[in-house]
Amino acid sequence: MNMGTRIREEREALGLTQEELARRAGVSRTMISEIEKDPNRGTTRLVAIARALKVEPAYLESGKEPKHPAIDPLASYVSASSLDDLAQKLIGKGDKEIAKLLQRILELKSRK
């Protein structure tokens, strides 16, 4: 498996389009497409792409573990002044992350 394949798999696992990943990483959609298609294509923007995919750059580059960075407790903290504000801040999350959040809320609600 090459870097482009790993990027595509991680992007798809987060439910992101090439355009969404490109926006999050600050690169063009064309660059993401070229990296995913060409097994020999490299990039100087690997760290930004890895950060957008929430994986280690070394994993994308070589496939070596650990795949995910150590969890920063502050990275999951979101401060919001209202439900609308919270919704706006969560828009940048992937569909699967939002679905997990909703599932967790419903689980907690059913316990009460």
Protein backbone atom coordinates (compact mmCIF):
# COMPACT_ATOMS: atom_id res chain seq x y z
CA MET A 1 0.00 0.00 0.00
CA ASN A 2 1.34 3.45 -0.90
CA MET A 3 0.89 6.89 0.66
CA GLY A 4 -1.90 7.88 -1.74
CA THR A 5 -3.87 4.75 -0.89
CA ARG A 6 -3.47 5.37 2.85
CA ILE A 7 -4.62 8.98 2.42
CA ARG A 8 -7.67 7.89 0.41
CA GLU A 9 -8.59 5.20 2.96
CA GLU A 10 -8.28 7.61 5.89
CA ARG A 11 -10.22 10.30 4.03
CA GLU A 12 -13.03 7.88 3.21
CA ALA A 13 -13.08 6.54 6.78
CA LEU A 14 -13.81 10.09 7.97
CA GLY A 15 -16.48 10.50 5.30
CA LEU A 16 -14.61 13.36 3.62
CA THR A 17 -14.55 14.27 -0.05
CA GLN A 18 -11.26 15.22 -1.68
CA GLU A 19 -12.47 18.82 -1.62
CA GLU A 20 -13.24 18.72 2.12
CA LEU A 21 -9.84 17.20 2.92
CA ALA A 22 -8.11 19.77 0.73
CA ARG A 23 -9.90 22.62 2.52
CA ARG A 24 -8.99 21.25 5.95
CA ALA A 25 -5.35 20.73 4.95
CA GLY A 26 -5.01 24.04 3.12
CA VAL A 27 -4.14 22.47 -0.22
CA SER A 28 -5.89 22.16 -3.58
CA ARG A 29 -8.34 19.38 -4.41
CA THR A 30 -6.16 18.67 -7.44
CA MET A 31 -3.20 17.96 -5.15
CA ILE A 32 -5.24 15.48 -3.09
CA SER A 33 -6.45 13.80 -6.29
CA GLU A 34 -2.92 13.55 -7.71
CA ILE A 35 -1.50 12.14 -4.47
CA GLU A 36 -4.26 9.52 -4.26
CA LYS A 37 -3.81 8.46 -7.91
CA ASP A 38 -0.01 8.51 -8.32
CA PRO A 39 1.89 5.98 -6.15
CA ASN A 40 5.11 7.96 -6.63
CA ARG A 41 3.69 11.41 -5.90
CA GLY A 42 5.10 13.05 -2.80
CA THR A 43 4.16 16.29 -1.08
CA THR A 44 5.69 18.86 1.22
CA ARG A 45 2.23 19.29 2.77
CA LEU A 46 2.12 15.83 4.35
CA VAL A 47 1.98 17.17 7.91
CA ALA A 48 -1.05 19.35 7.12
CA ILE A 49 -2.81 16.45 5.38
CA ALA A 50 -2.04 14.10 8.27
CA ARG A 51 -3.33 16.65 10.78
CA ALA A 52 -6.56 17.01 8.78
CA LEU A 53 -6.92 13.21 8.77
CA LYS A 54 -5.97 12.93 12.47
CA VAL A 55 -3.16 10.46 11.80
CA GLU A 56 0.61 10.52 12.14
CA PRO A 57 2.49 11.81 9.07
CA ALA A 58 4.88 8.85 9.34
CA TYR A 59 1.92 6.47 9.04
CA LEU A 60 0.77 8.11 5.81
CA GLU A 61 4.28 8.15 4.42
CA SER A 62 5.43 4.64 5.34
CA GLY A 63 2.51 2.77 6.89
CA LYS A 64 4.42 2.40 10.15
CA GLU A 65 2.54 2.54 13.42
CA PRO A 66 1.40 4.29 15.49
CA LYS A 67 -1.34 5.35 13.13
CA HIS A 68 -2.98 7.87 15.44
CA PRO A 69 -1.23 10.58 17.44
CA ALA A 70 -1.36 10.57 21.22
CA ILE A 71 -4.65 12.05 22.36
CA ASP A 72 -4.51 15.62 23.57
CA PRO A 73 -7.38 16.11 26.06
CA LEU A 74 -7.69 19.75 25.03
CA ALA A 75 -8.17 18.77 21.39
CA SER A 76 -11.59 17.33 22.19
CA TYR A 77 -12.71 20.31 24.26
CA VAL A 78 -15.24 22.61 22.59
CA SER A 79 -16.54 25.76 24.22
CA ALA A 80 -19.78 27.20 22.92
CA SER A 81 -22.15 29.92 24.05
CA SER A 82 -25.31 28.34 22.55
CA LEU A 83 -26.52 25.29 20.65
CA ASP A 84 -26.19 27.21 17.39
CA ASP A 85 -22.62 28.17 18.30
CA LEU A 86 -21.84 24.54 19.14
CA ALA A 87 -23.32 23.35 15.83
CA GLN A 88 -21.16 25.85 13.93
CA LYS A 89 -18.03 24.66 15.72
CA LEU A 90 -18.83 21.00 15.03
CA ILE A 91 -19.40 21.51 11.30
CA GLY A 92 -15.70 20.91 10.66
CA LYS A 93 -15.87 17.42 12.14
CA GLY A 94 -16.35 14.40 9.91
CA ASP A 95 -19.76 12.79 9.52
CA LYS A 96 -18.67 9.70 11.46
CA GLU A 97 -17.46 11.83 14.39
CA ILE A 98 -20.77 13.72 14.48
CA ALA A 99 -22.69 10.43 14.33
CA LYS A 100 -20.65 9.07 17.26
CA LEU A 101 -21.36 12.23 19.24
CA LEU A 102 -25.11 11.96 18.62
CA GLN A 103 -25.07 8.28 19.52
CA ARG A 104 -23.24 9.06 22.77
CA ILE A 105 -25.74 11.81 23.65
CA LEU A 106 -28.64 9.42 23.10
CA GLU A 107 -26.94 6.74 25.21
CA LEU A 108 -26.46 9.16 28.08
CA LYS A 109 -30.03 10.43 27.77
CA SER A 110 -31.47 6.89 27.90
CA ARG A 111 -29.70 6.28 31.23
CA LYS A 112 -31.66 9.05 32.95
